[in-house]
Amino acid sequence: LYDVSTGSKLVPGFELQDIVYLTGTLSSAALLGAYWTMAGLLTRLFEVNPISGNTRSNDLAANAVNVGMCCPLWIATEHALGFGPVDVGGVTLDASVV
């Protein structure tokens, strides 16, 4: 999303601003991964079924609950801390977060 909003570069190559964008993207992904893991532990998504020996990670409904728990929190955190695109949550997110 950063590349789309900033346009094409005049000079090809890796610059300091690219490092800033890359660390922002990696920190956002790490935060989403932490929230996903936390939600998975709370919903017991990763526990092994003693009968079948499989986890519930392939269960669509269990994953939908996990997405419903972690993604709104992730978007609200991104918005509150000012990471990501300027209008990551839309114009109404300010009112709902505050």
PDB file of N, CA and C in Angstrom:
ATOM      1  N   LEU A   1       0.810  -1.197   0.000  1.00  0.00           N
ATOM      2  CA  LEU A   1       0.000   0.000   0.000  1.00  0.00           C
ATOM      3  C   LEU A   1       0.850   1.256   0.000  1.00  0.00           C
ATOM      4  N   TYR A   2       2.014   1.189   0.617  1.00  0.00           N
ATOM      5  CA  TYR A   2       2.867   2.368   0.621  1.00  0.00           C
ATOM      6  C   TYR A   2       3.327   2.718  -0.795  1.00  0.00           C
ATOM      7  N   ASP A   3       3.703   1.700  -1.566  1.00  0.00           N
ATOM      8  CA  ASP A   3       4.189   1.961  -2.917  1.00  0.00           C
ATOM      9  C   ASP A   3       3.111   2.564  -3.798  1.00  0.00           C
ATOM     10  N   VAL A   4       1.891   2.132  -3.619  1.00  0.00           N
ATOM     11  CA  VAL A   4       0.788   2.655  -4.415  1.00  0.00           C
ATOM     12  C   VAL A   4       0.538   4.119  -4.077  1.00  0.00           C
ATOM     13  N   SER A   5       0.633   4.468  -2.801  1.00  0.00           N
ATOM     14  CA  SER A   5       0.344   5.835  -2.391  1.00  0.00           C
ATOM     15  C   SER A   5       1.486   6.800  -2.677  1.00  0.00           C
ATOM     16  N   THR A   6       2.720   6.306  -2.773  1.00  0.00           N
ATOM     17  CA  THR A   6       3.856   7.200  -2.997  1.00  0.00           C
ATOM     18  C   THR A   6       4.241   7.307  -4.462  1.00  0.00           C
ATOM     19  N   GLY A   7       3.737   6.435  -5.307  1.00  0.00           N
ATOM     20  CA  GLY A   7       4.091   6.488  -6.727  1.00  0.00           C
ATOM     21  C   GLY A   7       5.404   5.783  -7.008  1.00  0.00           C
ATOM     22  N   SER A   8       5.807   5.864  -8.267  1.00  0.00           N
ATOM     23  CA  SER A   8       7.047   5.180  -8.652  1.00  0.00           C
ATOM     24  C   SER A   8       8.262   6.018  -8.253  1.00  0.00           C
ATOM     25  N   LYS A   9       9.380   5.331  -8.086  1.00  0.00           N
ATOM     26  CA  LYS A   9      10.618   6.000  -7.677  1.00  0.00           C
ATOM     27  C   LYS A   9      11.292   6.602  -8.906  1.00  0.00           C
ATOM     28  N   LEU A  10      11.930   7.736  -8.715  1.00  0.00           N
ATOM     29  CA  LEU A  10      12.652   8.375  -9.813  1.00  0.00           C
ATOM     30  C   LEU A  10      13.964   7.665 -10.098  1.00  0.00           C
ATOM     31  N   VAL A  11      14.632   7.220  -9.027  1.00  0.00           N
ATOM     32  CA  VAL A  11      15.911   6.533  -9.169  1.00  0.00           C
ATOM     33  C   VAL A  11      15.749   5.124  -8.622  1.00  0.00           C
ATOM     34  N   PRO A  12      16.017   4.094  -9.442  1.00  0.00           N
ATOM     35  CA  PRO A  12      15.888   2.728  -8.930  1.00  0.00           C
ATOM     36  C   PRO A  12      16.942   2.432  -7.870  1.00  0.00           C
ATOM     37  N   GLY A  13      16.615   1.489  -6.995  1.00  0.00           N
ATOM     38  CA  GLY A  13      17.561   1.092  -5.955  1.00  0.00           C
ATOM     39  C   GLY A  13      16.915   1.114  -4.587  1.00  0.00           C
ATOM     40  N   PHE A  14      17.667   0.626  -3.622  1.00  0.00           N
ATOM     41  CA  PHE A  14      17.189   0.525  -2.238  1.00  0.00           C
ATOM     42  C   PHE A  14      17.698   1.725  -1.460  1.00  0.00           C
ATOM     43  N   GLU A  15      16.781   2.505  -0.900  1.00  0.00           N
ATOM     44  CA  GLU A  15      17.146   3.723  -0.188  1.00  0.00           C
ATOM     45  C   GLU A  15      16.722   3.622   1.267  1.00  0.00           C
ATOM     46  N   LEU A  16      17.064   4.645   2.047  1.00  0.00           N
ATOM     47  CA  LEU A  16      16.726   4.673   3.463  1.00  0.00           C
ATOM     48  C   LEU A  16      15.214   4.624   3.686  1.00  0.00           C
ATOM     49  N   GLN A  17      14.461   5.307   2.852  1.00  0.00           N
ATOM     50  CA  GLN A  17      13.001   5.306   2.998  1.00  0.00           C
ATOM     51  C   GLN A  17      12.428   3.907   2.777  1.00  0.00           C
ATOM     52  N   ASP A  18      13.066   3.125   1.924  1.00  0.00           N
ATOM     53  CA  ASP A  18      12.628   1.740   1.715  1.00  0.00           C
ATOM     54  C   ASP A  18      12.803   0.914   2.976  1.00  0.00           C
ATOM     55  N   ILE A  19      13.846   1.169   3.729  1.00  0.00           N
ATOM     56  CA  ILE A  19      14.067   0.464   4.996  1.00  0.00           C
ATOM     57  C   ILE A  19      12.971   0.832   5.995  1.00  0.00           C
ATOM     58  N   VAL A  20      12.592   2.104   6.008  1.00  0.00           N
ATOM     59  CA  VAL A  20      11.510   2.539   6.891  1.00  0.00           C
ATOM     60  C   VAL A  20      10.212   1.826   6.530  1.00  0.00           C
ATOM     61  N   TYR A  21       9.899   1.761   5.235  1.00  0.00           N
ATOM     62  CA  TYR A  21       8.686   1.068   4.794  1.00  0.00           C
ATOM     63  C   TYR A  21       8.745  -0.423   5.130  1.00  0.00           C
ATOM     64  N   LEU A  22       9.911  -1.034   4.929  1.00  0.00           N
ATOM     65  CA  LEU A  22      10.064  -2.464   5.189  1.00  0.00           C
ATOM     66  C   LEU A  22       9.912  -2.777   6.673  1.00  0.00           C
ATOM     67  N   THR A  23      10.518  -1.986   7.546  1.00  0.00           N
ATOM     68  CA  THR A  23      10.376  -2.239   8.981  1.00  0.00           C
ATOM     69  C   THR A  23       8.946  -2.006   9.444  1.00  0.00           C
ATOM     70  N   GLY A  24       8.255  -1.040   8.843  1.00  0.00           N
ATOM     71  CA  GLY A  24       6.847  -0.832   9.182  1.00  0.00           C
ATOM     72  C   GLY A  24       5.985  -2.019   8.782  1.00  0.00           C
ATOM     73  N   THR A  25       6.255  -2.565   7.615  1.00  0.00           N
ATOM     74  CA  THR A  25       5.504  -3.731   7.147  1.00  0.00           C
ATOM     75  C   THR A  25       5.802  -4.953   8.003  1.00  0.00           C
ATOM     76  N   LEU A  26       7.070  -5.165   8.335  1.00  0.00           N
ATOM     77  CA  LEU A  26       7.439  -6.317   9.156  1.00  0.00           C
ATOM     78  C   LEU A  26       6.886  -6.207  10.576  1.00  0.00           C
ATOM     79  N   SER A  27       6.884  -5.006  11.143  1.00  0.00           N
ATOM     80  CA  SER A  27       6.325  -4.852  12.487  1.00  0.00           C
ATOM     81  C   SER A  27       4.820  -5.056  12.478  1.00  0.00           C
ATOM     82  N   SER A  28       4.165  -4.627  11.418  1.00  0.00           N
ATOM     83  CA  SER A  28       2.725  -4.851  11.292  1.00  0.00           C
ATOM     84  C   SER A  28       2.422  -6.343  11.179  1.00  0.00           C
ATOM     85  N   ALA A  29       3.215  -7.042  10.387  1.00  0.00           N
ATOM     86  CA  ALA A  29       3.020  -8.487  10.236  1.00  0.00           C
ATOM     87  C   ALA A  29       3.315  -9.229  11.535  1.00  0.00           C
ATOM     88  N   ALA A  30       4.323  -8.789  12.268  1.00  0.00           N
ATOM     89  CA  ALA A  30       4.643  -9.412  13.556  1.00  0.00           C
ATOM     90  C   ALA A  30       3.521  -9.190  14.564  1.00  0.00           C
ATOM     91  N   LEU A  31       2.953  -8.000  14.559  1.00  0.00           N
ATOM     92  CA  LEU A  31       1.832  -7.709  15.453  1.00  0.00           C
ATOM     93  C   LEU A  31       0.623  -8.566  15.106  1.00  0.00           C
ATOM     94  N   LEU A  32       0.325  -8.703  13.814  1.00  0.00           N
ATOM     95  CA  LEU A  32      -0.784  -9.562  13.398  1.00  0.00           C
ATOM     96  C   LEU A  32      -0.520 -11.014  13.783  1.00  0.00           C
ATOM     97  N   GLY A  33       0.706 -11.466  13.627  1.00  0.00           N
ATOM     98  CA  GLY A  33       1.061 -12.836  14.013  1.00  0.00           C
ATOM     99  C   GLY A  33       0.907 -13.061  15.510  1.00  0.00           C
ATOM    100  N   ALA A  34       1.287 -12.064  16.302  1.00  0.00           N
ATOM    101  CA  ALA A  34       1.125 -12.181  17.759  1.00  0.00           C
ATOM    102  C   ALA A  34      -0.346 -12.217  18.140  1.00  0.00           C
ATOM    103  N   TYR A  35      -1.154 -11.351  17.523  1.00  0.00           N
ATOM    104  CA  TYR A  35      -2.597 -11.361  17.809  1.00  0.00           C
ATOM    105  C   TYR A  35      -3.242 -12.666  17.352  1.00  0.00           C
ATOM    106  N   TRP A  36      -2.815 -13.194  16.197  1.00  0.00           N
ATOM    107  CA  TRP A  36      -3.367 -14.460  15.694  1.00  0.00           C
ATOM    108  C   TRP A  36      -3.037 -15.596  16.664  1.00  0.00           C
ATOM    109  N   THR A  37      -1.800 -15.632  17.135  1.00  0.00           N
ATOM    110  CA  THR A  37      -1.398 -16.676  18.073  1.00  0.00           C
ATOM    111  C   THR A  37      -2.153 -16.546  19.389  1.00  0.00           C
ATOM    112  N   MET A  38      -2.290 -15.319  19.888  1.00  0.00           N
ATOM    113  CA  MET A  38      -3.019 -15.096  21.132  1.00  0.00           C
ATOM    114  C   MET A  38      -4.485 -15.524  20.988  1.00  0.00           C
ATOM    115  N   ALA A  39      -5.109 -15.159  19.873  1.00  0.00           N
ATOM    116  CA  ALA A  39      -6.499 -15.563  19.645  1.00  0.00           C
ATOM    117  C   ALA A  39      -6.602 -17.076  19.491  1.00  0.00           C
ATOM    118  N   GLY A  40      -5.632 -17.694  18.822  1.00  0.00           N
ATOM    119  CA  GLY A  40      -5.637 -19.147  18.654  1.00  0.00           C
ATOM    120  C   GLY A  40      -5.480 -19.887  19.972  1.00  0.00           C
ATOM    121  N   LEU A  41      -4.673 -19.331  20.866  1.00  0.00           N
ATOM    122  CA  LEU A  41      -4.524 -19.947  22.182  1.00  0.00           C
ATOM    123  C   LEU A  41      -5.806 -19.798  23.006  1.00  0.00           C
ATOM    124  N   LEU A  42      -6.453 -18.632  22.883  1.00  0.00           N
ATOM    125  CA  LEU A  42      -7.703 -18.421  23.622  1.00  0.00           C
ATOM    126  C   LEU A  42      -8.832 -19.298  23.109  1.00  0.00           C
ATOM    127  N   THR A  43      -8.878 -19.538  21.810  1.00  0.00           N
ATOM    128  CA  THR A  43      -9.944 -20.356  21.228  1.00  0.00           C
ATOM    129  C   THR A  43      -9.565 -21.830  21.116  1.00  0.00           C
ATOM    130  N   ARG A  44      -8.368 -22.161  21.579  1.00  0.00           N
ATOM    131  CA  ARG A  44      -7.845 -23.541  21.531  1.00  0.00           C
ATOM    132  C   ARG A  44      -7.750 -24.083  20.105  1.00  0.00           C
ATOM    133  N   LEU A  45      -7.401 -23.213  19.193  1.00  0.00           N
ATOM    134  CA  LEU A  45      -7.279 -23.593  17.792  1.00  0.00           C
ATOM    135  C   LEU A  45      -6.128 -24.571  17.559  1.00  0.00           C
ATOM    136  N   PHE A  46      -5.101 -24.486  18.379  1.00  0.00           N
ATOM    137  CA  PHE A  46      -3.897 -25.275  18.147  1.00  0.00           C
ATOM    138  C   PHE A  46      -3.850 -26.584  18.936  1.00  0.00           C
ATOM    139  N   GLU A  47      -4.875 -26.842  19.745  1.00  0.00           N
ATOM    140  CA  GLU A  47      -4.873 -28.076  20.535  1.00  0.00           C
ATOM    141  C   GLU A  47      -5.131 -29.290  19.646  1.00  0.00           C
ATOM    142  N   VAL A  48      -4.533 -30.389  20.018  1.00  0.00           N
ATOM    143  CA  VAL A  48      -4.683 -31.635  19.269  1.00  0.00           C
ATOM    144  C   VAL A  48      -5.878 -32.399  19.810  1.00  0.00           C
ATOM    145  N   ASN A  49      -6.720 -32.864  18.903  1.00  0.00           N
ATOM    146  CA  ASN A  49      -7.860 -33.696  19.272  1.00  0.00           C
ATOM    147  C   ASN A  49      -7.330 -35.083  19.639  1.00  0.00           C
ATOM    148  N   PRO A  50      -7.609 -35.560  20.856  1.00  0.00           N
ATOM    149  CA  PRO A  50      -7.042 -36.854  21.259  1.00  0.00           C
ATOM    150  C   PRO A  50      -7.580 -38.034  20.449  1.00  0.00           C
ATOM    151  N   ILE A  51      -8.758 -37.901  19.878  1.00  0.00           N
ATOM    152  CA  ILE A  51      -9.348 -39.013  19.119  1.00  0.00           C
ATOM    153  C   ILE A  51      -8.755 -39.088  17.712  1.00  0.00           C
ATOM    154  N   SER A  52      -8.788 -37.959  16.990  1.00  0.00           N
ATOM    155  CA  SER A  52      -8.303 -37.974  15.610  1.00  0.00           C
ATOM    156  C   SER A  52      -6.815 -37.666  15.495  1.00  0.00           C
ATOM    157  N   GLY A  53      -6.258 -36.996  16.503  1.00  0.00           N
ATOM    158  CA  GLY A  53      -4.849 -36.628  16.452  1.00  0.00           C
ATOM    159  C   GLY A  53      -4.573 -35.379  15.625  1.00  0.00           C
ATOM    160  N   ASN A  54      -5.627 -34.717  15.149  1.00  0.00           N
ATOM    161  CA  ASN A  54      -5.465 -33.514  14.328  1.00  0.00           C
ATOM    162  C   ASN A  54      -5.791 -32.261  15.136  1.00  0.00           C
ATOM    163  N   THR A  55      -5.252 -31.136  14.701  1.00  0.00           N
ATOM    164  CA  THR A  55      -5.615 -29.855  15.306  1.00  0.00           C
ATOM    165  C   THR A  55      -6.844 -29.302  14.583  1.00  0.00           C
ATOM    166  N   ARG A  56      -7.402 -28.244  15.151  1.00  0.00           N
ATOM    167  CA  ARG A  56      -8.562 -27.616  14.524  1.00  0.00           C
ATOM    168  C   ARG A  56      -8.149 -26.545  13.523  1.00  0.00           C
ATOM    169  N   SER A  57      -6.875 -26.471  13.172  1.00  0.00           N
ATOM    170  CA  SER A  57      -6.390 -25.407  12.301  1.00  0.00           C
ATOM    171  C   SER A  57      -6.946 -25.489  10.881  1.00  0.00           C
ATOM    172  N   ASN A  58      -7.487 -26.632  10.481  1.00  0.00           N
ATOM    173  CA  ASN A  58      -8.114 -26.761   9.164  1.00  0.00           C
ATOM    174  C   ASN A  58      -9.618 -26.526   9.213  1.00  0.00           C
ATOM    175  N   ASP A  59     -10.152 -26.278  10.392  1.00  0.00           N
ATOM    176  CA  ASP A  59     -11.586 -26.047  10.566  1.00  0.00           C
ATOM    177  C   ASP A  59     -11.915 -24.601  10.177  1.00  0.00           C
ATOM    178  N   LEU A  60     -12.770 -24.433   9.176  1.00  0.00           N
ATOM    179  CA  LEU A  60     -13.106 -23.105   8.671  1.00  0.00           C
ATOM    180  C   LEU A  60     -13.781 -22.244   9.727  1.00  0.00           C
ATOM    181  N   ALA A  61     -14.695 -22.815  10.482  1.00  0.00           N
ATOM    182  CA  ALA A  61     -15.398 -22.045  11.508  1.00  0.00           C
ATOM    183  C   ALA A  61     -14.446 -21.591  12.620  1.00  0.00           C
ATOM    184  N   ALA A  62     -13.535 -22.447  13.024  1.00  0.00           N
ATOM    185  CA  ALA A  62     -12.572 -22.080  14.070  1.00  0.00           C
ATOM    186  C   ALA A  62     -11.648 -20.969  13.592  1.00  0.00           C
ATOM    187  N   ASN A  63     -11.251 -21.023  12.330  1.00  0.00           N
ATOM    188  CA  ASN A  63     -10.413 -19.962  11.780  1.00  0.00           C
ATOM    189  C   ASN A  63     -11.186 -18.659  11.625  1.00  0.00           C
ATOM    190  N   ALA A  64     -12.474 -18.741  11.295  1.00  0.00           N
ATOM    191  CA  ALA A  64     -13.293 -17.527  11.193  1.00  0.00           C
ATOM    192  C   ALA A  64     -13.419 -16.838  12.550  1.00  0.00           C
ATOM    193  N   VAL A  65     -13.545 -17.628  13.611  1.00  0.00           N
ATOM    194  CA  VAL A  65     -13.589 -17.051  14.961  1.00  0.00           C
ATOM    195  C   VAL A  65     -12.258 -16.391  15.283  1.00  0.00           C
ATOM    196  N   ASN A  66     -11.174 -17.035  14.891  1.00  0.00           N
ATOM    197  CA  ASN A  66      -9.844 -16.474  15.130  1.00  0.00           C
ATOM    198  C   ASN A  66      -9.662 -15.151  14.381  1.00  0.00           C
ATOM    199  N   VAL A  67     -10.104 -15.109  13.136  1.00  0.00           N
ATOM    200  CA  VAL A  67     -10.025 -13.873  12.353  1.00  0.00           C
ATOM    201  C   VAL A  67     -10.885 -12.792  12.996  1.00  0.00           C
ATOM    202  N   GLY A  68     -12.075 -13.169  13.440  1.00  0.00           N
ATOM    203  CA  GLY A  68     -12.972 -12.215  14.088  1.00  0.00           C
ATOM    204  C   GLY A  68     -12.419 -11.655  15.383  1.00  0.00           C
ATOM    205  N   MET A  69     -11.556 -12.412  16.041  1.00  0.00           N
ATOM    206  CA  MET A  69     -10.954 -11.937  17.289  1.00  0.00           C
ATOM    207  C   MET A  69      -9.722 -11.075  17.047  1.00  0.00           C
ATOM    208  N   CYS A  70      -8.866 -11.477  16.120  1.00  0.00           N
ATOM    209  CA  CYS A  70      -7.578 -10.788  16.017  1.00  0.00           C
ATOM    210  C   CYS A  70      -7.569  -9.623  15.034  1.00  0.00           C
ATOM    211  N   CYS A  71      -8.281  -9.704  13.940  1.00  0.00           N
ATOM    212  CA  CYS A  71      -8.172  -8.656  12.919  1.00  0.00           C
ATOM    213  C   CYS A  71      -8.721  -7.298  13.353  1.00  0.00           C
ATOM    214  N   PRO A  72      -9.883  -7.213  13.993  1.00  0.00           N
ATOM    215  CA  PRO A  72     -10.324  -5.888  14.449  1.00  0.00           C
ATOM    216  C   PRO A  72      -9.354  -5.262  15.456  1.00  0.00           C
ATOM    217  N   LEU A  73      -8.798  -6.073  16.333  1.00  0.00           N
ATOM    218  CA  LEU A  73      -7.824  -5.573  17.292  1.00  0.00           C
ATOM    219  C   LEU A  73      -6.556  -5.096  16.587  1.00  0.00           C
ATOM    220  N   TRP A  74      -6.139  -5.827  15.567  1.00  0.00           N
ATOM    221  CA  TRP A  74      -4.952  -5.455  14.793  1.00  0.00           C
ATOM    222  C   TRP A  74      -5.177  -4.130  14.058  1.00  0.00           C
ATOM    223  N   ILE A  75      -6.321  -3.982  13.403  1.00  0.00           N
ATOM    224  CA  ILE A  75      -6.612  -2.746  12.674  1.00  0.00           C
ATOM    225  C   ILE A  75      -6.717  -1.571  13.639  1.00  0.00           C
ATOM    226  N   ALA A  76      -7.366  -1.780  14.781  1.00  0.00           N
ATOM    227  CA  ALA A  76      -7.484  -0.699  15.770  1.00  0.00           C
ATOM    228  C   ALA A  76      -6.116  -0.303  16.318  1.00  0.00           C
ATOM    229  N   THR A  77      -5.248  -1.286  16.546  1.00  0.00           N
ATOM    230  CA  THR A  77      -3.898  -0.989  17.029  1.00  0.00           C
ATOM    231  C   THR A  77      -3.101  -0.230  15.974  1.00  0.00           C
ATOM    232  N   GLU A  78      -3.177  -0.671  14.720  1.00  0.00           N
ATOM    233  CA  GLU A  78      -2.489   0.022  13.635  1.00  0.00           C
ATOM    234  C   GLU A  78      -2.963   1.470  13.547  1.00  0.00           C
ATOM    235  N   HIS A  79      -4.253   1.660  13.653  1.00  0.00           N
ATOM    236  CA  HIS A  79      -4.828   3.000  13.543  1.00  0.00           C
ATOM    237  C   HIS A  79      -4.440   3.867  14.739  1.00  0.00           C
ATOM    238  N   ALA A  80      -4.521   3.307  15.937  1.00  0.00           N
ATOM    239  CA  ALA A  80      -4.224   4.076  17.144  1.00  0.00           C
ATOM    240  C   ALA A  80      -2.758   4.487  17.215  1.00  0.00           C
ATOM    241  N   LEU A  81      -1.860   3.625  16.737  1.00  0.00           N
ATOM    242  CA  LEU A  81      -0.434   3.930  16.776  1.00  0.00           C
ATOM    243  C   LEU A  81       0.056   4.684  15.544  1.00  0.00           C
ATOM    244  N   GLY A  82      -0.833   4.864  14.577  1.00  0.00           N
ATOM    245  CA  GLY A  82      -0.468   5.622  13.380  1.00  0.00           C
ATOM    246  C   GLY A  82       0.362   4.853  12.377  1.00  0.00           C
ATOM    247  N   PHE A  83       0.305   3.525  12.412  1.00  0.00           N
ATOM    248  CA  PHE A  83       1.036   2.716  11.440  1.00  0.00           C
ATOM    249  C   PHE A  83       0.164   2.477  10.224  1.00  0.00           C
ATOM    250  N   GLY A  84       0.785   2.006   9.153  1.00  0.00           N
ATOM    251  CA  GLY A  84       0.041   1.657   7.957  1.00  0.00           C
ATOM    252  C   GLY A  84      -0.419   2.883   7.197  1.00  0.00           C
ATOM    253  N   PRO A  85      -1.279   2.668   6.221  1.00  0.00           N
ATOM    254  CA  PRO A  85      -1.809   3.792   5.451  1.00  0.00           C
ATOM    255  C   PRO A  85      -2.566   4.756   6.357  1.00  0.00           C
ATOM    256  N   VAL A  86      -2.646   5.987   5.951  1.00  0.00           N
ATOM    257  CA  VAL A  86      -3.251   7.025   6.783  1.00  0.00           C
ATOM    258  C   VAL A  86      -4.686   6.682   7.156  1.00  0.00           C
ATOM    259  N   ASP A  87      -5.448   6.155   6.225  1.00  0.00           N
ATOM    260  CA  ASP A  87      -6.859   5.892   6.472  1.00  0.00           C
ATOM    261  C   ASP A  87      -7.133   4.390   6.503  1.00  0.00           C
ATOM    262  N   VAL A  88      -6.338   3.660   7.302  1.00  0.00           N
ATOM    263  CA  VAL A  88      -6.411   2.207   7.292  1.00  0.00           C
ATOM    264  C   VAL A  88      -7.778   1.676   7.709  1.00  0.00           C
ATOM    265  N   GLY A  89      -8.454   2.331   8.606  1.00  0.00           N
ATOM    266  CA  GLY A  89      -9.724   1.823   9.090  1.00  0.00           C
ATOM    267  C   GLY A  89     -10.933   2.539   8.558  1.00  0.00           C
ATOM    268  N   GLY A  90     -10.742   3.473   7.632  1.00  0.00           N
ATOM    269  CA  GLY A  90     -11.866   4.236   7.122  1.00  0.00           C
ATOM    270  C   GLY A  90     -12.134   5.448   8.000  1.00  0.00           C
ATOM    271  N   VAL A  91     -13.020   6.286   7.537  1.00  0.00           N
ATOM    272  CA  VAL A  91     -13.285   7.540   8.239  1.00  0.00           C
ATOM    273  C   VAL A  91     -14.067   7.340   9.530  1.00  0.00           C
ATOM    274  N   THR A  92     -14.752   6.237   9.689  1.00  0.00           N
ATOM    275  CA  THR A  92     -15.552   6.023  10.898  1.00  0.00           C
ATOM    276  C   THR A  92     -14.789   5.333  12.013  1.00  0.00           C
ATOM    277  N   LEU A  93     -13.559   4.870  11.750  1.00  0.00           N
ATOM    278  CA  LEU A  93     -12.818   4.145  12.773  1.00  0.00           C
ATOM    279  C   LEU A  93     -12.403   5.068  13.919  1.00  0.00           C
ATOM    280  N   ASP A  94     -12.111   6.321  13.619  1.00  0.00           N
ATOM    281  CA  ASP A  94     -11.751   7.269  14.688  1.00  0.00           C
ATOM    282  C   ASP A  94     -12.823   7.326  15.755  1.00  0.00           C
ATOM    283  N   ALA A  95     -14.058   7.428  15.349  1.00  0.00           N
ATOM    284  CA  ALA A  95     -15.160   7.531  16.308  1.00  0.00           C
ATOM    285  C   ALA A  95     -15.367   6.230  17.070  1.00  0.00           C
ATOM    286  N   SER A  96     -15.161   5.106  16.415  1.00  0.00           N
ATOM    287  CA  SER A  96     -15.410   3.834  17.091  1.00  0.00           C
ATOM    288  C   SER A  96     -14.266   3.447  18.022  1.00  0.00           C
ATOM    289  N   VAL A  97     -13.034   3.856  17.717  1.00  0.00           N
ATOM    290  CA  VAL A  97     -11.900   3.518  18.582  1.00  0.00           C
ATOM    291  C   VAL A  97     -11.866   4.442  19.789  1.00  0.00           C
ATOM    292  N   VAL A  98     -12.112   5.715  19.568  1.00  0.00           N
ATOM    293  CA  VAL A  98     -12.042   6.699  20.654  1.00  0.00           C
ATOM    294  C   VAL A  98     -13.283   6.655  21.431  1.00  0.00           C
TER     295      VAL A  98
END
